[in-house]
Amino acid sequence: MIIRNGNVVWNGTVEKKDLWIEDGKIVSIAENIPANGSEEIDATGKHIFPGLIDMHVHLREPGFEHKETIESGCKAAVKGGFTQVCCMPNTNPVADNKVVVSYIKYKAQEAGLCKVHPIGAITKGLKGEQLAEIGEMKKAGAVAISDDGVSVKNSRIMRLAMEYASGFDIKCLCHCEDKDLVDGGVVNEGLSSTIAGLKGIPRAAEDIMIARDIALAESLGVPVHICHVSTHSGVRLIREAKKAGIKVTAETCPHYYAATDELVTRFDTNTKVNPPIREEADKQAILAGLKDGTIDCIVTDHAPHHLNDKNVEYNSATFGISGIETSLGFAITYLYKTGLFTLNEIAEKMSGAPAKILGLEGGEIKVGGVADLTIVALDESWVVDPAKFASKGKNSPFGGYKLDGVVKYTIVDGEVKYQA
């Protein structure tokens, strides 16, 4: 395949080049590559990003196929421009052993769309009591471990998990939440929760566990990754930890840098997410943390749900937003078009950094590198319509939002897996 006249986002620059791809690899990046009988894609006026990598998604299978299947999740991923996704273990049965991890890998290969990397559980059954078989899961294809959805409450168990994970050269991805402080809260604790009459979740519920996991990483001298950071105080803790040389990385999601908890006063259960969307000060701190490198990457925490899970009163609704198809649009609209971030910075947050953190192939465009690419029309806009999502989960509070950036092609290992 030859991709013609695209604006290639690579090496800190954006250059108009042709890309020649053979056997799933990029063999040449140059101007005016001679025609050689290959399939050709005209990317004139489009931008070519390294294939996007989402290191935090929920694909629901096995066990919750009414919410999402691996196939439907992968269809949503490639439509959103993602060539690789890493799926959390809160399935049924839980991905806490090599059998479930292998099953996920098999189903992903059967779907044949994007690359799927399972994340194994930290503890058996996500119960926080006994460590899962970390080495066996890594052999089967797990790229990290996490009890996402719940924090490991027992600090001794968490310490052991970090030690074992480091020994197997994988990372703990930490869902930071003190359940006792949450105490049944459903939205951010603040003015909007008071107006709505909904029980609030204090920032401290997140911050206390961030601080604990940073302290464990420092005492052990091992790396740790903090999931879906949502608080200004959490950003401060991570920034100070990095300055002290502690091996901590962090992620956030579009709904934390582009929205505030004023949304919850609409009583739309699609705004119910964990951790909750917070206030303007938190949003600004998240943006600053992304800009200065405190927060390493942008993920979606794609959490698809069935209509019945959300079509209930707010307190009873499940937490989660279906976000993998809107993530790039939010980045282009709220980060690039506002002048806050360059295209190379967005490529780093959504591809380069996740690849580095988890040790995945890809994350950059280079000669000899894997031909995982996302071709985007930056100046085309679209209106979010959850009913048209490829995901089974239509639970997005952003229906009607106008976003810039349309994914035209998603290419995995040199093969077109999605074309608009």
Protein backbone atom coordinates (compact mmCIF):
# COMPACT_ATOMS: atom_id res chain seq x y z
CA MET A 1 0.00 0.00 0.00
CA ILE A 2 1.07 3.57 -0.67
CA ILE A 3 -0.61 6.43 1.18
CA ARG A 4 -0.23 9.60 -0.87
CA ASN A 5 0.18 13.25 0.12
CA GLY A 6 -0.80 12.95 3.77
CA ASN A 7 0.35 15.33 6.48
CA VAL A 8 2.39 12.91 8.57
CA VAL A 9 2.51 13.55 12.32
CA TRP A 10 5.96 12.23 13.24
CA ASN A 11 9.32 13.16 14.77
CA GLY A 12 7.86 16.28 16.37
CA THR A 13 6.84 17.68 12.99
CA VAL A 14 3.95 17.56 10.53
CA GLU A 15 5.23 16.96 6.98
CA LYS A 16 3.52 16.23 3.67
CA LYS A 17 4.83 12.79 2.70
CA ASP A 18 3.97 9.49 1.07
CA LEU A 19 4.08 6.28 3.11
CA TRP A 20 4.95 2.95 1.50
CA ILE A 21 3.78 -0.09 3.45
CA GLU A 22 4.76 -3.72 2.91
CA ASP A 23 4.07 -6.79 5.06
CA GLY A 24 2.56 -4.69 7.81
CA LYS A 25 5.59 -2.40 8.13
CA ILE A 26 6.41 1.10 6.94
CA VAL A 27 9.28 0.70 4.47
CA SER A 28 9.58 4.28 3.23
CA ILE A 29 8.48 7.80 4.20
CA ALA A 30 9.32 10.18 1.39
CA GLU A 31 7.95 12.56 -1.22
CA ASN A 32 6.65 11.21 -4.51
CA ILE A 33 7.20 7.50 -3.97
CA PRO A 34 6.98 5.87 -7.43
CA ALA A 35 3.86 3.85 -8.18
CA ASN A 36 4.61 0.14 -7.96
CA GLY A 37 1.26 -1.54 -8.45
CA SER A 38 0.35 -1.30 -4.78
CA GLU A 39 -3.06 -0.26 -3.53
CA GLU A 40 -3.06 3.52 -3.08
CA ILE A 41 -4.91 5.80 -0.68
CA ASP A 42 -5.13 9.50 -1.42
CA ALA A 43 -4.66 11.33 1.89
CA THR A 44 -4.48 14.84 0.39
CA GLY A 45 -5.56 17.35 3.00
CA LYS A 46 -5.72 14.66 5.69
CA HIS A 47 -3.43 14.04 8.65
CA ILE A 48 -1.78 10.69 9.36
CA PHE A 49 -1.36 9.87 13.04
CA PRO A 50 0.32 6.87 14.59
CA GLY A 51 -2.46 4.40 15.31
CA LEU A 52 -4.25 5.48 18.48
CA ILE A 53 -3.84 3.28 21.57
CA ASP A 54 -6.45 3.20 24.33
CA MET A 55 -4.96 1.58 27.41
CA HIS A 56 -8.21 1.61 29.41
CA VAL A 57 -11.40 0.15 27.95
CA HIS A 58 -14.12 -2.26 29.03
CA LEU A 59 -15.10 -4.81 26.39
CA ARG A 60 -17.49 -6.66 28.77
CA GLU A 61 -16.98 -10.11 27.24
CA PRO A 62 -17.12 -12.74 28.72
CA GLY A 63 -20.27 -12.42 30.78
CA PHE A 64 -21.83 -9.10 29.84
CA GLU A 65 -22.34 -9.48 26.10
CA HIS A 66 -25.63 -7.56 26.32
CA LYS A 67 -23.52 -4.46 27.09
CA GLU A 68 -20.68 -5.07 24.60
CA THR A 69 -18.88 -7.91 22.87
CA ILE A 70 -15.22 -7.99 21.95
CA GLU A 71 -16.27 -7.72 18.31
CA SER A 72 -18.61 -4.74 18.81
CA GLY A 73 -16.05 -3.03 21.03
CA CYS A 74 -13.38 -3.50 18.36
CA LYS A 75 -15.73 -2.11 15.70
CA ALA A 76 -16.22 0.96 17.87
CA ALA A 77 -12.47 1.20 18.45
CA VAL A 78 -11.47 1.26 14.79
CA LYS A 79 -14.29 3.69 14.01
CA GLY A 80 -12.79 5.95 16.67
CA GLY A 81 -9.31 5.63 15.15
CA PHE A 82 -7.88 3.15 17.64
CA THR A 83 -5.57 0.40 16.43
CA GLN A 84 -4.87 -1.08 19.87
CA VAL A 85 -6.96 -1.30 23.04
CA CYS A 86 -6.28 -2.72 26.49
CA CYS A 87 -9.33 -4.20 28.19
CA MET A 88 -10.01 -4.28 31.92
CA PRO A 89 -10.66 -7.55 33.78
CA ASN A 90 -14.06 -6.86 35.38
CA THR A 91 -15.79 -9.47 33.24
CA ASN A 92 -17.74 -12.55 34.37
CA PRO A 93 -15.80 -14.68 35.01
CA VAL A 94 -13.16 -12.16 36.02
CA ALA A 95 -9.99 -12.12 33.91
CA ASP A 96 -7.92 -13.32 36.88
CA ASN A 97 -6.43 -16.42 35.23
CA LYS A 98 -4.76 -17.54 32.03
CA VAL A 99 -7.92 -19.21 30.67
CA VAL A 100 -9.99 -16.01 30.53
CA VAL A 101 -7.02 -13.98 29.27
CA SER A 102 -6.49 -16.53 26.48
CA TYR A 103 -10.20 -16.48 25.64
CA ILE A 104 -10.12 -12.69 25.21
CA LYS A 105 -7.08 -12.95 22.94
CA TYR A 106 -8.81 -15.64 20.87
CA LYS A 107 -12.04 -13.66 20.48
CA ALA A 108 -10.08 -10.57 19.44
CA GLN A 109 -8.19 -12.53 16.78
CA GLU A 110 -11.52 -13.91 15.58
CA ALA A 111 -12.90 -10.37 15.26
CA GLY A 112 -9.83 -9.40 13.23
CA LEU A 113 -10.12 -5.64 13.72
CA CYS A 114 -7.84 -3.87 16.20
CA LYS A 115 -5.22 -5.40 18.51
CA VAL A 116 -6.62 -6.28 21.93
CA HIS A 117 -4.37 -6.59 24.97
CA PRO A 118 -6.03 -8.05 28.09
CA ILE A 119 -5.31 -6.56 31.50
CA GLY A 120 -5.39 -9.19 34.21
CA ALA A 121 -6.88 -8.76 37.66
CA ILE A 122 -4.69 -7.91 40.65
CA THR A 123 -6.72 -10.11 42.99
CA LYS A 124 -8.84 -13.19 42.50
CA GLY A 125 -12.42 -12.24 41.70
CA LEU A 126 -11.53 -8.56 42.22
CA LYS A 127 -12.17 -9.23 45.91
CA GLY A 128 -8.93 -7.71 47.19
CA GLU A 129 -8.04 -10.76 49.25
CA GLN A 130 -5.70 -13.04 47.28
CA LEU A 131 -3.31 -12.19 44.47
CA ALA A 132 -4.27 -13.53 41.06
CA GLU A 133 -1.80 -15.66 39.07
CA ILE A 134 0.16 -12.75 37.65
CA GLY A 135 2.91 -14.75 35.93
CA GLU A 136 0.45 -17.13 34.27
CA MET A 137 -1.66 -14.25 32.99
CA LYS A 138 1.38 -12.50 31.56
CA LYS A 139 2.38 -15.68 29.71
CA ALA A 140 -1.14 -15.83 28.26
CA GLY A 141 -0.90 -12.24 26.98
CA ALA A 142 -1.84 -9.85 29.80
CA VAL A 143 0.07 -6.56 29.49
CA ALA A 144 -0.73 -5.18 32.97
CA ILE A 145 -2.80 -5.90 36.08
CA SER A 146 -5.64 -3.90 37.62
CA ASP A 147 -8.68 -4.33 39.82
CA ASP A 148 -10.30 -1.45 37.92
CA GLY A 149 -13.75 -0.72 39.18
CA VAL A 150 -12.59 -1.23 42.76
CA SER A 151 -9.50 -0.22 44.70
CA VAL A 152 -7.41 -2.84 46.45
CA LYS A 153 -8.31 -1.76 49.97
CA ASN A 154 -5.69 -3.85 51.77
CA SER A 155 -2.38 -1.99 51.54
CA ARG A 156 -0.34 -5.14 52.21
CA ILE A 157 -2.00 -6.90 49.27
CA MET A 158 -1.37 -3.84 47.09
CA ARG A 159 2.28 -3.79 48.10
CA LEU A 160 2.66 -7.47 47.20
CA ALA A 161 0.92 -6.87 43.87
CA MET A 162 3.34 -4.07 42.98
CA GLU A 163 6.32 -6.24 43.88
CA TYR A 164 5.10 -9.22 41.87
CA ALA A 165 4.10 -7.09 38.89
CA SER A 166 7.52 -5.44 38.84
CA GLY A 167 9.15 -8.88 38.94
CA PHE A 168 7.19 -9.86 35.84
CA ASP A 169 7.95 -6.49 34.18
CA ILE A 170 4.35 -5.33 34.01
CA LYS A 171 2.60 -2.47 35.79
CA CYS A 172 -0.20 -2.14 38.30
CA LEU A 173 -2.91 0.17 36.97
CA CYS A 174 -4.58 1.62 40.05
CA HIS A 175 -8.22 2.55 40.40
CA CYS A 176 -7.93 5.01 43.30
CA GLU A 177 -11.06 5.16 45.42
CA ASP A 178 -11.67 4.92 49.16
CA LYS A 179 -15.08 3.22 49.22
CA ASP A 180 -15.71 4.19 52.84
CA LEU A 181 -15.36 7.87 51.92
CA VAL A 182 -17.51 7.45 48.82
CA ASP A 183 -20.27 6.18 51.13
CA GLY A 184 -22.87 5.78 48.41
CA GLY A 185 -22.06 9.03 46.60
CA VAL A 186 -22.94 9.26 42.93
CA VAL A 187 -21.58 12.65 41.71
CA ASN A 188 -18.85 15.11 42.65
CA GLU A 189 -19.36 16.72 46.04
CA GLY A 190 -19.93 20.43 45.44
CA LEU A 191 -22.41 23.05 44.38
CA SER A 192 -23.91 20.96 41.58
CA SER A 193 -24.52 17.97 43.86
CA THR A 194 -26.28 20.30 46.30
CA ILE A 195 -28.45 21.83 43.56
CA ALA A 196 -29.33 18.38 42.21
CA GLY A 197 -29.91 16.88 45.65
CA LEU A 198 -27.56 14.00 44.84
CA LYS A 199 -25.06 12.55 47.33
CA GLY A 200 -21.55 13.75 46.61
CA ILE A 201 -18.19 11.99 46.36
CA PRO A 202 -15.37 14.07 47.93
CA ARG A 203 -12.08 14.51 46.11
CA ALA A 204 -10.36 13.01 49.13
CA ALA A 205 -11.83 9.61 48.27
CA GLU A 206 -9.64 9.59 45.16
CA ASP A 207 -6.67 11.52 46.54
CA ILE A 208 -6.09 9.32 49.60
CA MET A 209 -5.64 6.23 47.44
CA ILE A 210 -3.47 8.08 44.92
CA ALA A 211 -1.23 9.11 47.81
CA ARG A 212 -1.11 5.57 49.19
CA ASP A 213 -0.17 4.00 45.87
CA ILE A 214 2.50 6.64 45.27
CA ALA A 215 3.89 5.96 48.76
CA LEU A 216 4.06 2.23 48.03
CA ALA A 217 5.79 2.85 44.70
CA GLU A 218 8.34 5.08 46.43
CA SER A 219 9.04 2.62 49.25
CA LEU A 220 9.47 -0.29 46.86
CA GLY A 221 11.23 1.62 44.09
CA VAL A 222 8.82 0.16 41.52
CA PRO A 223 6.55 1.85 38.96
CA VAL A 224 2.83 2.47 39.38
CA HIS A 225 0.18 3.87 37.04
CA ILE A 226 -2.76 5.95 38.29
CA CYS A 227 -6.00 5.49 36.37
CA HIS A 228 -8.53 8.16 35.28
CA VAL A 229 -7.30 11.12 37.35
CA SER A 230 -10.13 13.59 37.95
CA THR A 231 -9.11 15.94 40.80
CA HIS A 232 -6.90 19.03 40.93
CA SER A 233 -5.41 17.72 44.17
CA GLY A 234 -4.64 14.37 42.55
CA VAL A 235 -2.77 16.16 39.77
CA ARG A 236 -0.75 18.00 42.42
CA LEU A 237 0.15 14.75 44.22
CA ILE A 238 1.34 13.13 40.98
CA ARG A 239 3.30 16.23 39.94
CA GLU A 240 5.13 16.32 43.27
CA ALA A 241 5.81 12.59 43.09
CA LYS A 242 7.34 12.91 39.65
CA LYS A 243 9.53 15.79 40.82
CA ALA A 244 10.74 13.54 43.65
CA GLY A 245 11.76 10.88 41.13
CA ILE A 246 9.03 8.37 42.02
CA LYS A 247 8.14 6.07 39.12
CA VAL A 248 4.55 7.14 38.62
CA THR A 249 2.57 7.58 35.41
CA ALA A 250 -1.02 8.72 35.05
CA GLU A 251 -3.96 8.98 32.69
CA THR A 252 -7.16 10.98 32.34
CA CYS A 253 -10.24 10.93 30.11
CA PRO A 254 -11.96 13.44 27.78
CA HIS A 255 -14.89 13.96 30.14
CA TYR A 256 -12.49 15.25 32.82
CA TYR A 257 -10.76 17.84 30.63
CA ALA A 258 -13.77 18.90 28.54
CA ALA A 259 -16.75 18.91 30.94
CA THR A 260 -17.75 19.97 34.45
CA ASP A 261 -20.24 18.62 36.94
CA GLU A 262 -22.81 21.22 35.94
CA LEU A 263 -23.92 18.47 33.54
CA VAL A 264 -25.35 16.41 36.40
CA THR A 265 -28.05 19.00 37.12
CA ARG A 266 -29.77 17.72 33.94
CA PHE A 267 -30.28 14.39 35.76
CA ASP A 268 -29.05 12.57 32.64
CA THR A 269 -27.79 9.25 34.01
CA ASN A 270 -25.27 9.14 31.17
CA THR A 271 -23.32 11.77 33.14
CA LYS A 272 -22.84 9.27 35.97
CA VAL A 273 -19.26 8.06 35.81
CA ASN A 274 -16.64 6.86 38.28
CA PRO A 275 -14.69 8.88 39.30
CA PRO A 276 -17.26 11.64 38.82
CA ILE A 277 -16.96 14.61 36.48
CA ARG A 278 -15.76 17.41 38.72
CA GLU A 279 -15.58 21.23 38.83
CA GLU A 280 -13.94 23.90 36.69
CA ALA A 281 -10.84 24.04 38.91
CA ASP A 282 -10.34 20.31 38.42
CA LYS A 283 -10.85 20.59 34.66
CA GLN A 284 -8.23 23.34 34.42
CA ALA A 285 -5.78 21.35 36.56
CA ILE A 286 -6.28 18.30 34.32
CA LEU A 287 -5.51 20.41 31.24
CA ALA A 288 -2.40 21.86 32.93
CA GLY A 289 -1.31 18.38 34.00
CA LEU A 290 -1.66 17.07 30.47
CA LYS A 291 0.31 20.00 29.12
CA ASP A 292 3.24 19.79 31.53
CA GLY A 293 3.52 16.00 31.42
CA THR A 294 2.18 15.28 34.90
CA ILE A 295 -0.57 13.27 33.20
CA ASP A 296 1.05 11.07 30.59
CA CYS A 297 -1.83 9.92 28.46
CA ILE A 298 -5.46 10.23 27.49
CA VAL A 299 -7.66 7.13 27.71
CA THR A 300 -11.40 6.68 27.28
CA ASP A 301 -12.37 4.37 30.16
CA HIS A 302 -14.91 3.23 27.55
CA ALA A 303 -17.70 1.75 29.68
CA PRO A 304 -20.62 0.61 27.51
CA HIS A 305 -23.92 -0.22 29.20
CA HIS A 306 -27.29 -1.53 28.12
CA LEU A 307 -30.14 0.99 27.98
CA ASN A 308 -31.76 -0.70 30.98
CA ASP A 309 -28.67 0.05 33.10
CA LYS A 310 -29.12 3.78 32.54
CA ASN A 311 -32.87 4.16 32.05
CA VAL A 312 -33.51 4.30 35.80
CA GLU A 313 -33.35 6.96 38.52
CA TYR A 314 -29.93 8.58 38.92
CA ASN A 315 -28.98 6.86 42.18
CA SER A 316 -29.72 3.41 40.73
CA ALA A 317 -27.97 3.89 37.37
CA THR A 318 -24.65 2.21 36.62
CA PHE A 319 -21.46 4.27 36.36
CA GLY A 320 -19.83 4.74 32.96
CA ILE A 321 -19.65 6.55 29.63
CA SER A 322 -19.32 4.96 26.19
CA GLY A 323 -16.48 7.07 24.89
CA ILE A 324 -14.18 5.34 22.43
CA GLU A 325 -15.86 6.81 19.33
CA THR A 326 -15.75 10.41 20.56
CA SER A 327 -12.29 10.56 22.17
CA LEU A 328 -10.31 11.78 19.16
CA GLY A 329 -13.01 14.32 18.32
CA PHE A 330 -12.75 15.75 21.82
CA ALA A 331 -8.95 15.96 21.55
CA ILE A 332 -9.08 17.76 18.20
CA THR A 333 -11.89 20.10 19.29
CA TYR A 334 -10.93 20.88 22.88
CA LEU A 335 -7.14 20.53 22.77
CA TYR A 336 -5.91 21.21 19.22
CA LYS A 337 -8.44 23.67 17.81
CA THR A 338 -8.22 25.73 21.03
CA GLY A 339 -4.46 26.09 20.54
CA LEU A 340 -3.64 24.33 23.81
CA PHE A 341 -1.92 21.32 22.23
CA THR A 342 -0.05 20.56 19.02
CA LEU A 343 -0.90 17.55 16.89
CA ASN A 344 2.34 15.90 17.98
CA GLU A 345 1.39 16.38 21.63
CA ILE A 346 -1.99 14.76 20.99
CA ALA A 347 -0.30 11.87 19.17
CA GLU A 348 1.98 11.40 22.16
CA LYS A 349 -0.89 11.44 24.69
CA MET A 350 -3.08 9.09 22.67
CA SER A 351 -0.50 6.76 21.14
CA GLY A 352 3.15 7.26 22.08
CA ALA A 353 2.82 7.37 25.86
CA PRO A 354 0.45 4.38 26.18
CA ALA A 355 2.85 2.31 24.05
CA LYS A 356 5.80 3.29 26.25
CA ILE A 357 3.96 2.74 29.54
CA LEU A 358 2.83 -0.78 28.62
CA GLY A 359 5.73 -1.76 26.35
CA LEU A 360 3.57 -2.14 23.25
CA GLU A 361 4.76 -2.13 19.65
CA GLY A 362 3.70 1.05 17.85
CA GLY A 363 2.96 4.51 19.15
CA GLU A 364 4.98 6.30 16.47
CA ILE A 365 5.43 6.58 12.73
CA LYS A 366 8.90 5.52 11.61
CA VAL A 367 10.62 3.58 8.84
CA GLY A 368 10.68 -0.06 9.88
CA GLY A 369 7.87 0.50 12.35
CA VAL A 370 4.53 -1.24 12.44
CA ALA A 371 1.99 0.19 9.98
CA ASP A 372 -0.67 1.08 12.53
CA LEU A 373 -2.09 4.40 11.30
CA THR A 374 -5.07 6.67 11.75
CA ILE A 375 -5.96 9.03 8.89
CA VAL A 376 -8.04 12.01 9.99
CA ALA A 377 -9.77 14.95 8.30
CA LEU A 378 -9.16 17.65 10.90
CA ASP A 379 -11.36 20.30 9.30
CA GLU A 380 -14.43 18.14 8.90
CA SER A 381 -16.92 18.30 11.76
CA TRP A 382 -19.65 15.95 12.92
CA VAL A 383 -22.44 15.87 15.46
CA VAL A 384 -22.35 13.16 18.11
CA ASP A 385 -25.32 10.81 17.76
CA PRO A 386 -25.03 7.90 20.23
CA ALA A 387 -27.70 5.98 18.32
CA LYS A 388 -25.18 5.66 15.48
CA PHE A 389 -22.35 4.32 17.64
CA ALA A 390 -20.81 1.04 16.52
CA SER A 391 -20.58 0.17 20.21
CA LYS A 392 -23.55 -1.55 21.80
CA GLY A 393 -23.24 1.08 24.53
CA LYS A 394 -25.14 4.22 23.53
CA ASN A 395 -24.60 5.77 26.97
CA SER A 396 -22.96 9.10 26.16
CA PRO A 397 -23.98 12.44 27.67
CA PHE A 398 -22.49 14.23 24.66
CA GLY A 399 -25.24 13.62 22.10
CA GLY A 400 -25.67 16.76 20.01
CA TYR A 401 -22.11 18.00 20.61
CA LYS A 402 -20.39 19.22 17.46
CA LEU A 403 -16.83 17.87 17.20
CA ASP A 404 -14.01 18.43 14.73
CA GLY A 405 -11.91 15.64 13.28
CA VAL A 406 -13.38 12.77 11.26
CA VAL A 407 -11.57 9.42 11.13
CA LYS A 408 -11.30 8.45 7.46
CA TYR A 409 -9.17 5.31 7.72
CA THR A 410 -7.92 3.09 10.51
CA ILE A 411 -5.07 0.86 9.36
CA VAL A 412 -3.78 -2.06 11.46
CA ASP A 413 -0.64 -3.93 10.41
CA GLY A 414 -0.95 -2.37 6.95
CA GLU A 415 -4.58 -3.45 6.44
CA VAL A 416 -7.54 -1.08 6.29
CA LYS A 417 -9.85 -2.07 9.16
CA TYR A 418 -12.14 0.96 8.97
CA GLN A 419 -13.01 3.36 6.16
CA ALA A 420 -15.50 6.17 6.63
